């Protein structure tokens, strides 16, 4: 989900995308592929790969539950003015640790 596209999606659709990703990763087919790549890239032990896959599924479900939490809040300044602070989608954020 691209940041500019994701911003325009209804909250229910954002939630559905995260839940679908969690459902896919939790299947044997996708989980085994993710574990295989993880072991190849990081030489992680199979048990550690299992922990990471399950944690990823849980984090995706947590993100789905927070799809409706992105909203603006009003903050008072020192001059008694009011400001509206809003959160915006950042897009895909990805990092790879240099294990090798």
PDB file of N, CA and C in Angstrom:
ATOM      1  N   UNK A   1       0.860  -1.153   0.000  1.00  0.00           N
ATOM      2  CA  UNK A   1       0.000   0.000   0.000  1.00  0.00           C
ATOM      3  C   UNK A   1       0.912   1.222   0.000  1.00  0.00           C
ATOM      4  N   UNK A   2       0.879   1.968  -1.031  1.00  0.00           N
ATOM      5  CA  UNK A   2       1.691   3.169  -1.201  1.00  0.00           C
ATOM      6  C   UNK A   2       1.133   4.283  -0.321  1.00  0.00           C
ATOM      7  N   UNK A   3       1.991   5.184   0.155  1.00  0.00           N
ATOM      8  CA  UNK A   3       1.557   6.237   1.073  1.00  0.00           C
ATOM      9  C   UNK A   3       0.462   7.110   0.471  1.00  0.00           C
ATOM     10  N   UNK A   4       0.635   7.505  -0.782  1.00  0.00           N
ATOM     11  CA  UNK A   4      -0.374   8.388  -1.371  1.00  0.00           C
ATOM     12  C   UNK A   4      -1.672   7.652  -1.625  1.00  0.00           C
ATOM     13  N   UNK A   5      -1.597   6.400  -2.000  1.00  0.00           N
ATOM     14  CA  UNK A   5      -2.806   5.604  -2.214  1.00  0.00           C
ATOM     15  C   UNK A   5      -3.428   5.222  -0.878  1.00  0.00           C
ATOM     16  N   UNK A   6      -2.591   4.815   0.065  1.00  0.00           N
ATOM     17  CA  UNK A   6      -3.068   4.375   1.371  1.00  0.00           C
ATOM     18  C   UNK A   6      -3.806   5.447   2.140  1.00  0.00           C
ATOM     19  N   UNK A   7      -3.390   6.692   1.964  1.00  0.00           N
ATOM     20  CA  UNK A   7      -4.066   7.791   2.652  1.00  0.00           C
ATOM     21  C   UNK A   7      -5.516   7.925   2.225  1.00  0.00           C
ATOM     22  N   UNK A   8      -5.791   7.582   0.994  1.00  0.00           N
ATOM     23  CA  UNK A   8      -7.129   7.778   0.449  1.00  0.00           C
ATOM     24  C   UNK A   8      -8.051   6.574   0.667  1.00  0.00           C
ATOM     25  N   UNK A   9      -7.492   5.467   1.137  1.00  0.00           N
ATOM     26  CA  UNK A   9      -8.304   4.276   1.362  1.00  0.00           C
ATOM     27  C   UNK A   9      -9.165   4.434   2.610  1.00  0.00           C
ATOM     28  N   UNK A  10     -10.371   3.884   2.584  1.00  0.00           N
ATOM     29  CA  UNK A  10     -11.191   3.879   3.807  1.00  0.00           C
ATOM     30  C   UNK A  10     -10.515   3.013   4.874  1.00  0.00           C
ATOM     31  N   UNK A  11     -10.775   3.325   6.126  1.00  0.00           N
ATOM     32  CA  UNK A  11     -10.150   2.595   7.226  1.00  0.00           C
ATOM     33  C   UNK A  11     -10.442   1.104   7.172  1.00  0.00           C
ATOM     34  N   UNK A  12     -11.644   0.746   6.761  1.00  0.00           N
ATOM     35  CA  UNK A  12     -11.999  -0.673   6.695  1.00  0.00           C
ATOM     36  C   UNK A  12     -11.148  -1.400   5.657  1.00  0.00           C
ATOM     37  N   UNK A  13     -10.805  -0.717   4.576  1.00  0.00           N
ATOM     38  CA  UNK A  13      -9.979  -1.334   3.535  1.00  0.00           C
ATOM     39  C   UNK A  13      -8.529  -1.467   4.005  1.00  0.00           C
ATOM     40  N   UNK A  14      -8.022  -0.474   4.720  1.00  0.00           N
ATOM     41  CA  UNK A  14      -6.669  -0.561   5.283  1.00  0.00           C
ATOM     42  C   UNK A  14      -6.584  -1.747   6.235  1.00  0.00           C
ATOM     43  N   UNK A  15      -7.604  -1.857   7.090  1.00  0.00           N
ATOM     44  CA  UNK A  15      -7.647  -2.960   8.052  1.00  0.00           C
ATOM     45  C   UNK A  15      -7.648  -4.302   7.328  1.00  0.00           C
ATOM     46  N   UNK A  16      -8.440  -4.390   6.264  1.00  0.00           N
ATOM     47  CA  UNK A  16      -8.538  -5.639   5.495  1.00  0.00           C
ATOM     48  C   UNK A  16      -7.202  -6.021   4.866  1.00  0.00           C
ATOM     49  N   UNK A  17      -6.440  -5.038   4.404  1.00  0.00           N
ATOM     50  CA  UNK A  17      -5.131  -5.316   3.793  1.00  0.00           C
ATOM     51  C   UNK A  17      -4.179  -5.908   4.827  1.00  0.00           C
ATOM     52  N   UNK A  18      -4.111  -5.297   6.005  1.00  0.00           N
ATOM     53  CA  UNK A  18      -3.230  -5.815   7.056  1.00  0.00           C
ATOM     54  C   UNK A  18      -3.650  -7.209   7.502  1.00  0.00           C
ATOM     55  N   UNK A  19      -4.956  -7.426   7.648  1.00  0.00           N
ATOM     56  CA  UNK A  19      -5.443  -8.746   8.075  1.00  0.00           C
ATOM     57  C   UNK A  19      -5.174  -9.805   7.013  1.00  0.00           C
ATOM     58  N   UNK A  20      -5.317  -9.453   5.741  1.00  0.00           N
ATOM     59  CA  UNK A  20      -5.036 -10.393   4.652  1.00  0.00           C
ATOM     60  C   UNK A  20      -3.555 -10.777   4.658  1.00  0.00           C
ATOM     61  N   UNK A  21      -2.676  -9.781   4.854  1.00  0.00           N
ATOM     62  CA  UNK A  21      -1.238 -10.062   4.929  1.00  0.00           C
ATOM     63  C   UNK A  21      -0.927 -10.995   6.097  1.00  0.00           C
ATOM     64  N   UNK A  22      -1.552 -10.747   7.250  1.00  0.00           N
ATOM     65  CA  UNK A  22      -1.337 -11.611   8.417  1.00  0.00           C
ATOM     66  C   UNK A  22      -1.829 -13.023   8.139  1.00  0.00           C
ATOM     67  N   UNK A  23      -2.992 -13.142   7.505  1.00  0.00           N
ATOM     68  CA  UNK A  23      -3.536 -14.466   7.178  1.00  0.00           C
ATOM     69  C   UNK A  23      -2.621 -15.210   6.209  1.00  0.00           C
ATOM     70  N   UNK A  24      -2.098 -14.496   5.212  1.00  0.00           N
ATOM     71  CA  UNK A  24      -1.208 -15.142   4.238  1.00  0.00           C
ATOM     72  C   UNK A  24       0.080 -15.617   4.886  1.00  0.00           C
ATOM     73  N   UNK A  25       0.703 -14.757   5.681  1.00  0.00           N
ATOM     74  CA  UNK A  25       1.974 -15.130   6.302  1.00  0.00           C
ATOM     75  C   UNK A  25       1.796 -16.276   7.283  1.00  0.00           C
ATOM     76  N   UNK A  26       0.629 -16.404   7.869  1.00  0.00           N
ATOM     77  CA  UNK A  26       0.424 -17.485   8.841  1.00  0.00           C
ATOM     78  C   UNK A  26       0.127 -18.832   8.182  1.00  0.00           C
ATOM     79  N   UNK A  27      -0.070 -18.862   6.854  1.00  0.00           N
ATOM     80  CA  UNK A  27      -0.257 -20.147   6.175  1.00  0.00           C
ATOM     81  C   UNK A  27       1.095 -20.851   6.041  1.00  0.00           C
ATOM     82  N   UNK A  28       1.063 -22.176   5.968  1.00  0.00           N
ATOM     83  CA  UNK A  28       2.301 -22.950   5.842  1.00  0.00           C
ATOM     84  C   UNK A  28       3.090 -22.551   4.597  1.00  0.00           C
ATOM     85  N   UNK A  29       2.376 -22.304   3.501  1.00  0.00           N
ATOM     86  CA  UNK A  29       3.038 -21.975   2.233  1.00  0.00           C
ATOM     87  C   UNK A  29       3.900 -20.717   2.368  1.00  0.00           C
ATOM     88  N   UNK A  30       3.315 -19.636   2.868  1.00  0.00           N
ATOM     89  CA  UNK A  30       4.046 -18.377   2.972  1.00  0.00           C
ATOM     90  C   UNK A  30       5.007 -18.367   4.157  1.00  0.00           C
ATOM     91  N   UNK A  31       4.596 -18.945   5.258  1.00  0.00           N
ATOM     92  CA  UNK A  31       5.472 -18.975   6.436  1.00  0.00           C
ATOM     93  C   UNK A  31       6.766 -19.710   6.124  1.00  0.00           C
ATOM     94  N   UNK A  32       6.674 -20.815   5.407  1.00  0.00           N
ATOM     95  CA  UNK A  32       7.892 -21.571   5.076  1.00  0.00           C
ATOM     96  C   UNK A  32       8.798 -20.777   4.133  1.00  0.00           C
ATOM     97  N   UNK A  33       8.208 -20.024   3.215  1.00  0.00           N
ATOM     98  CA  UNK A  33       9.021 -19.194   2.307  1.00  0.00           C
ATOM     99  C   UNK A  33       9.713 -18.075   3.069  1.00  0.00           C
ATOM    100  N   UNK A  34       8.987 -17.424   3.971  1.00  0.00           N
ATOM    101  CA  UNK A  34       9.571 -16.344   4.757  1.00  0.00           C
ATOM    102  C   UNK A  34      10.711 -16.890   5.619  1.00  0.00           C
ATOM    103  N   UNK A  35      10.483 -18.037   6.256  1.00  0.00           N
ATOM    104  CA  UNK A  35      11.520 -18.652   7.095  1.00  0.00           C
ATOM    105  C   UNK A  35      12.742 -19.033   6.262  1.00  0.00           C
ATOM    106  N   UNK A  36      12.488 -19.564   5.068  1.00  0.00           N
ATOM    107  CA  UNK A  36      13.585 -19.957   4.181  1.00  0.00           C
ATOM    108  C   UNK A  36      14.461 -18.746   3.829  1.00  0.00           C
ATOM    109  N   UNK A  37      13.823 -17.645   3.453  1.00  0.00           N
ATOM    110  CA  UNK A  37      14.573 -16.433   3.107  1.00  0.00           C
ATOM    111  C   UNK A  37      15.288 -15.870   4.328  1.00  0.00           C
ATOM    112  N   UNK A  38      14.634 -15.930   5.468  1.00  0.00           N
ATOM    113  CA  UNK A  38      15.224 -15.420   6.696  1.00  0.00           C
ATOM    114  C   UNK A  38      16.476 -16.215   7.064  1.00  0.00           C
ATOM    115  N   UNK A  39      16.386 -17.532   6.932  1.00  0.00           N
ATOM    116  CA  UNK A  39      17.542 -18.373   7.239  1.00  0.00           C
ATOM    117  C   UNK A  39      18.672 -18.110   6.253  1.00  0.00           C
ATOM    118  N   UNK A  40      18.330 -17.935   4.983  1.00  0.00           N
ATOM    119  CA  UNK A  40      19.340 -17.682   3.971  1.00  0.00           C
ATOM    120  C   UNK A  40      20.028 -16.341   4.209  1.00  0.00           C
ATOM    121  N   UNK A  41      19.242 -15.321   4.499  1.00  0.00           N
ATOM    122  CA  UNK A  41      19.787 -13.967   4.654  1.00  0.00           C
ATOM    123  C   UNK A  41      20.529 -13.764   5.968  1.00  0.00           C
ATOM    124  N   UNK A  42      20.021 -14.348   7.050  1.00  0.00           N
ATOM    125  CA  UNK A  42      20.583 -14.051   8.369  1.00  0.00           C
ATOM    126  C   UNK A  42      21.220 -15.265   9.045  1.00  0.00           C
ATOM    127  N   UNK A  43      21.064 -16.435   8.448  1.00  0.00           N
ATOM    128  CA  UNK A  43      21.542 -17.690   9.038  1.00  0.00           C
ATOM    129  C   UNK A  43      20.940 -17.909  10.434  1.00  0.00           C
ATOM    130  N   UNK A  44      19.708 -17.464  10.589  1.00  0.00           N
ATOM    131  CA  UNK A  44      19.020 -17.621  11.874  1.00  0.00           C
ATOM    132  C   UNK A  44      18.626 -19.077  12.089  1.00  0.00           C
ATOM    133  N   UNK A  45      18.556 -19.469  13.333  1.00  0.00           N
ATOM    134  CA  UNK A  45      18.112 -20.815  13.681  1.00  0.00           C
ATOM    135  C   UNK A  45      16.629 -20.953  13.333  1.00  0.00           C
ATOM    136  N   UNK A  46      16.192 -22.164  12.927  1.00  0.00           N
ATOM    137  CA  UNK A  46      14.783 -22.361  12.583  1.00  0.00           C
ATOM    138  C   UNK A  46      13.812 -21.918  13.672  1.00  0.00           C
ATOM    139  N   UNK A  47      14.152 -22.165  14.932  1.00  0.00           N
ATOM    140  CA  UNK A  47      13.262 -21.760  16.032  1.00  0.00           C
ATOM    141  C   UNK A  47      13.127 -20.237  16.081  1.00  0.00           C
ATOM    142  N   UNK A  48      14.224 -19.519  15.819  1.00  0.00           N
ATOM    143  CA  UNK A  48      14.180 -18.057  15.828  1.00  0.00           C
ATOM    144  C   UNK A  48      13.350 -17.542  14.654  1.00  0.00           C
ATOM    145  N   UNK A  49      13.421 -18.222  13.527  1.00  0.00           N
ATOM    146  CA  UNK A  49      12.598 -17.851  12.374  1.00  0.00           C
ATOM    147  C   UNK A  49      11.114 -18.014  12.703  1.00  0.00           C
ATOM    148  N   UNK A  50      10.773 -19.089  13.404  1.00  0.00           N
ATOM    149  CA  UNK A  50       9.378 -19.293  13.822  1.00  0.00           C
ATOM    150  C   UNK A  50       8.897 -18.150  14.708  1.00  0.00           C
ATOM    151  N   UNK A  51       9.742 -17.741  15.651  1.00  0.00           N
ATOM    152  CA  UNK A  51       9.388 -16.633  16.550  1.00  0.00           C
ATOM    153  C   UNK A  51       9.145 -15.363  15.734  1.00  0.00           C
ATOM    154  N   UNK A  52      10.025 -15.079  14.774  1.00  0.00           N
ATOM    155  CA  UNK A  52       9.894 -13.863  13.970  1.00  0.00           C
ATOM    156  C   UNK A  52       8.662 -13.881  13.080  1.00  0.00           C
ATOM    157  N   UNK A  53       8.332 -15.024  12.510  1.00  0.00           N
ATOM    158  CA  UNK A  53       7.146 -15.113  11.659  1.00  0.00           C
ATOM    159  C   UNK A  53       5.887 -14.880  12.491  1.00  0.00           C
ATOM    160  N   UNK A  54       5.796 -15.521  13.650  1.00  0.00           N
ATOM    161  CA  UNK A  54       4.623 -15.335  14.501  1.00  0.00           C
ATOM    162  C   UNK A  54       4.535 -13.898  15.025  1.00  0.00           C
ATOM    163  N   UNK A  55       5.684 -13.302  15.345  1.00  0.00           N
ATOM    164  CA  UNK A  55       5.682 -11.907  15.792  1.00  0.00           C
ATOM    165  C   UNK A  55       5.207 -10.982  14.669  1.00  0.00           C
ATOM    166  N   UNK A  56       5.622 -11.279  13.447  1.00  0.00           N
ATOM    167  CA  UNK A  56       5.196 -10.472  12.302  1.00  0.00           C
ATOM    168  C   UNK A  56       3.691 -10.561  12.093  1.00  0.00           C
ATOM    169  N   UNK A  57       3.148 -11.757  12.219  1.00  0.00           N
ATOM    170  CA  UNK A  57       1.704 -11.942  12.081  1.00  0.00           C
ATOM    171  C   UNK A  57       0.976 -11.133  13.149  1.00  0.00           C
ATOM    172  N   UNK A  58       1.467 -11.201  14.379  1.00  0.00           N
ATOM    173  CA  UNK A  58       0.845 -10.451  15.475  1.00  0.00           C
ATOM    174  C   UNK A  58       0.951  -8.945  15.265  1.00  0.00           C
ATOM    175  N   UNK A  59       2.100  -8.476  14.760  1.00  0.00           N
ATOM    176  CA  UNK A  59       2.270  -7.047  14.511  1.00  0.00           C
ATOM    177  C   UNK A  59       1.355  -6.565  13.387  1.00  0.00           C
ATOM    178  N   UNK A  60       1.164  -7.373  12.361  1.00  0.00           N
ATOM    179  CA  UNK A  60       0.241  -6.995  11.286  1.00  0.00           C
ATOM    180  C   UNK A  60      -1.189  -6.901  11.811  1.00  0.00           C
ATOM    181  N   UNK A  61      -1.573  -7.834  12.665  1.00  0.00           N
ATOM    182  CA  UNK A  61      -2.921  -7.786  13.247  1.00  0.00           C
ATOM    183  C   UNK A  61      -3.072  -6.569  14.172  1.00  0.00           C
ATOM    184  N   UNK A  62      -2.011  -6.237  14.885  1.00  0.00           N
ATOM    185  CA  UNK A  62      -2.038  -5.047  15.737  1.00  0.00           C
ATOM    186  C   UNK A  62      -2.180  -3.790  14.879  1.00  0.00           C
ATOM    187  N   UNK A  63      -1.454  -3.727  13.771  1.00  0.00           N
ATOM    188  CA  UNK A  63      -1.565  -2.579  12.856  1.00  0.00           C
ATOM    189  C   UNK A  63      -2.982  -2.480  12.302  1.00  0.00           C
ATOM    190  N   UNK A  64      -3.589  -3.620  12.002  1.00  0.00           N
ATOM    191  CA  UNK A  64      -4.970  -3.617  11.502  1.00  0.00           C
ATOM    192  C   UNK A  64      -5.924  -3.053  12.545  1.00  0.00           C
ATOM    193  N   UNK A  65      -5.688  -3.379  13.795  1.00  0.00           N
ATOM    194  CA  UNK A  65      -6.578  -2.895  14.853  1.00  0.00           C
ATOM    195  C   UNK A  65      -6.437  -1.391  15.073  1.00  0.00           C
ATOM    196  N   UNK A  66      -5.330  -0.823  14.624  1.00  0.00           N
ATOM    197  CA  UNK A  66      -5.101   0.605  14.819  1.00  0.00           C
ATOM    198  C   UNK A  66      -5.384   1.426  13.565  1.00  0.00           C
ATOM    199  N   UNK A  67      -5.955   0.816  12.552  1.00  0.00           N
ATOM    200  CA  UNK A  67      -6.215   1.527  11.300  1.00  0.00           C
ATOM    201  C   UNK A  67      -7.113   2.739  11.501  1.00  0.00           C
ATOM    202  N   UNK A  68      -7.996   2.684  12.470  1.00  0.00           N
ATOM    203  CA  UNK A  68      -8.906   3.805  12.700  1.00  0.00           C
ATOM    204  C   UNK A  68      -8.368   4.791  13.738  1.00  0.00           C
ATOM    205  N   UNK A  69      -7.167   4.555  14.242  1.00  0.00           N
ATOM    206  CA  UNK A  69      -6.606   5.414  15.290  1.00  0.00           C
ATOM    207  C   UNK A  69      -5.848   6.616  14.739  1.00  0.00           C
ATOM    208  N   UNK A  70      -5.617   6.663  13.445  1.00  0.00           N
ATOM    209  CA  UNK A  70      -4.904   7.799  12.871  1.00  0.00           C
ATOM    210  C   UNK A  70      -5.898   8.929  12.703  1.00  0.00           C
ATOM    211  N   UNK A  71      -5.770   9.928  13.550  1.00  0.00           N
ATOM    212  CA  UNK A  71      -6.698  11.058  13.522  1.00  0.00           C
ATOM    213  C   UNK A  71      -5.981  12.291  14.059  1.00  0.00           C
ATOM    214  N   UNK A  72      -6.568  13.445  13.857  1.00  0.00           N
ATOM    215  CA  UNK A  72      -5.964  14.688  14.316  1.00  0.00           C
ATOM    216  C   UNK A  72      -6.259  14.960  15.775  1.00  0.00           C
ATOM    217  N   UNK A  73      -5.381  15.704  16.406  1.00  0.00           N
ATOM    218  CA  UNK A  73      -5.601  16.141  17.773  1.00  0.00           C
ATOM    219  C   UNK A  73      -5.313  17.638  17.846  1.00  0.00           C
ATOM    220  N   UNK A  74      -6.022  18.309  18.724  1.00  0.00           N
ATOM    221  CA  UNK A  74      -5.818  19.742  18.914  1.00  0.00           C
ATOM    222  C   UNK A  74      -4.847  19.967  20.058  1.00  0.00           C
ATOM    223  N   UNK A  75      -3.907  20.882  19.832  1.00  0.00           N
ATOM    224  CA  UNK A  75      -2.905  21.206  20.841  1.00  0.00           C
ATOM    225  C   UNK A  75      -2.923  22.716  21.063  1.00  0.00           C
ATOM    226  N   UNK A  76      -2.938  23.120  22.314  1.00  0.00           N
ATOM    227  CA  UNK A  76      -2.883  24.550  22.636  1.00  0.00           C
ATOM    228  C   UNK A  76      -1.429  25.006  22.626  1.00  0.00           C
ATOM    229  N   UNK A  77      -1.206  26.193  22.103  1.00  0.00           N
ATOM    230  CA  UNK A  77       0.138  26.753  22.127  1.00  0.00           C
ATOM    231  C   UNK A  77       0.264  27.685  23.330  1.00  0.00           C
ATOM    232  N   UNK A  78       1.443  28.217  23.535  1.00  0.00           N
ATOM    233  CA  UNK A  78       1.666  29.141  24.642  1.00  0.00           C
ATOM    234  C   UNK A  78       0.895  30.444  24.456  1.00  0.00           C
ATOM    235  N   UNK A  79       0.548  30.774  23.214  1.00  0.00           N
ATOM    236  CA  UNK A  79      -0.160  32.019  22.929  1.00  0.00           C
ATOM    237  C   UNK A  79      -1.675  31.817  22.930  1.00  0.00           C
ATOM    238  N   UNK A  80      -2.132  30.696  23.398  1.00  0.00           N
ATOM    239  CA  UNK A  80      -3.560  30.359  23.464  1.00  0.00           C
ATOM    240  C   UNK A  80      -4.172  30.110  22.090  1.00  0.00           C
ATOM    241  N   UNK A  81      -3.337  29.943  21.067  1.00  0.00           N
ATOM    242  CA  UNK A  81      -3.839  29.536  19.750  1.00  0.00           C
ATOM    243  C   UNK A  81      -4.045  28.027  19.761  1.00  0.00           C
ATOM    244  N   UNK A  82      -4.851  27.553  18.833  1.00  0.00           N
ATOM    245  CA  UNK A  82      -5.074  26.109  18.714  1.00  0.00           C
ATOM    246  C   UNK A  82      -4.452  25.623  17.412  1.00  0.00           C
ATOM    247  N   UNK A  83      -3.820  24.466  17.457  1.00  0.00           N
ATOM    248  CA  UNK A  83      -3.235  23.855  16.282  1.00  0.00           C
ATOM    249  C   UNK A  83      -3.803  22.456  16.130  1.00  0.00           C
ATOM    250  N   UNK A  84      -4.029  22.063  14.900  1.00  0.00           N
ATOM    251  CA  UNK A  84      -4.471  20.704  14.617  1.00  0.00           C
ATOM    252  C   UNK A  84      -3.268  19.913  14.126  1.00  0.00           C
ATOM    253  N   UNK A  85      -2.949  18.845  14.827  1.00  0.00           N
ATOM    254  CA  UNK A  85      -1.834  17.980  14.452  1.00  0.00           C
ATOM    255  C   UNK A  85      -2.425  16.699  13.887  1.00  0.00           C
ATOM    256  N   UNK A  86      -2.021  16.354  12.688  1.00  0.00           N
ATOM    257  CA  UNK A  86      -2.530  15.135  12.066  1.00  0.00           C
ATOM    258  C   UNK A  86      -1.369  14.215  11.711  1.00  0.00           C
ATOM    259  N   UNK A  87      -1.657  12.946  11.728  1.00  0.00           N
ATOM    260  CA  UNK A  87      -0.685  11.949  11.294  1.00  0.00           C
ATOM    261  C   UNK A  87      -0.982  11.598   9.849  1.00  0.00           C
ATOM    262  N   UNK A  88       0.074  11.372   9.106  1.00  0.00           N
ATOM    263  CA  UNK A  88      -0.101  10.991   7.708  1.00  0.00           C
ATOM    264  C   UNK A  88       0.681   9.707   7.463  1.00  0.00           C
ATOM    265  N   UNK A  89       0.199   8.943   6.518  1.00  0.00           N
ATOM    266  CA  UNK A  89       0.863   7.685   6.181  1.00  0.00           C
ATOM    267  C   UNK A  89       2.278   7.960   5.687  1.00  0.00           C
ATOM    268  N   UNK A  90       3.227   7.139   6.119  1.00  0.00           N
ATOM    269  CA  UNK A  90       4.627   7.308   5.728  1.00  0.00           C
ATOM    270  C   UNK A  90       4.990   6.415   4.552  1.00  0.00           C
ATOM    271  N   UNK A  91       4.100   5.509   4.190  1.00  0.00           N
ATOM    272  CA  UNK A  91       4.426   4.577   3.114  1.00  0.00           C
ATOM    273  C   UNK A  91       5.189   3.387   3.663  1.00  0.00           C
ATOM    274  N   UNK A  92       5.872   2.705   2.809  1.00  0.00           N
ATOM    275  CA  UNK A  92       6.613   1.515   3.209  1.00  0.00           C
ATOM    276  C   UNK A  92       7.886   1.937   3.927  1.00  0.00           C
ATOM    277  N   UNK A  93       8.069   1.397   5.111  1.00  0.00           N
ATOM    278  CA  UNK A  93       9.287   1.644   5.878  1.00  0.00           C
ATOM    279  C   UNK A  93       9.941   0.296   6.061  1.00  0.00           C
ATOM    280  N   UNK A  94      11.193   0.178   5.610  1.00  0.00           N
ATOM    281  CA  UNK A  94      11.853  -1.116   5.601  1.00  0.00           C
ATOM    282  C   UNK A  94      13.324  -0.946   5.962  1.00  0.00           C
ATOM    283  N   UNK A  95      13.835  -1.827   6.772  1.00  0.00           N
ATOM    284  CA  UNK A  95      15.249  -1.779   7.136  1.00  0.00           C
ATOM    285  C   UNK A  95      15.798  -3.188   7.170  1.00  0.00           C
ATOM    286  N   UNK A  96      17.025  -3.338   6.759  1.00  0.00           N
ATOM    287  CA  UNK A  96      17.694  -4.631   6.792  1.00  0.00           C
ATOM    288  C   UNK A  96      18.939  -4.480   7.660  1.00  0.00           C
ATOM    289  N   UNK A  97      19.045  -5.313   8.692  1.00  0.00           N
ATOM    290  CA  UNK A  97      20.221  -5.274   9.557  1.00  0.00           C
ATOM    291  C   UNK A  97      21.375  -5.996   8.862  1.00  0.00           C
ATOM    292  N   UNK A  98      22.565  -5.459   8.927  1.00  0.00           N
ATOM    293  CA  UNK A  98      23.717  -6.087   8.258  1.00  0.00           C
ATOM    294  C   UNK A  98      24.258  -7.266   9.060  1.00  0.00           C
ATOM    295  N   UNK A  99      23.619  -8.404   8.938  1.00  0.00           N
ATOM    296  CA  UNK A  99      24.017  -9.582   9.712  1.00  0.00           C
ATOM    297  C   UNK A  99      25.273 -10.240   9.194  1.00  0.00           C
ATOM    298  N   UNK A 100      25.458 -10.211   7.885  1.00  0.00           N
ATOM    299  CA  UNK A 100      26.599 -10.963   7.328  1.00  0.00           C
ATOM    300  C   UNK A 100      27.840 -10.127   7.240  1.00  0.00           C
TER     301      UNK A 100
END
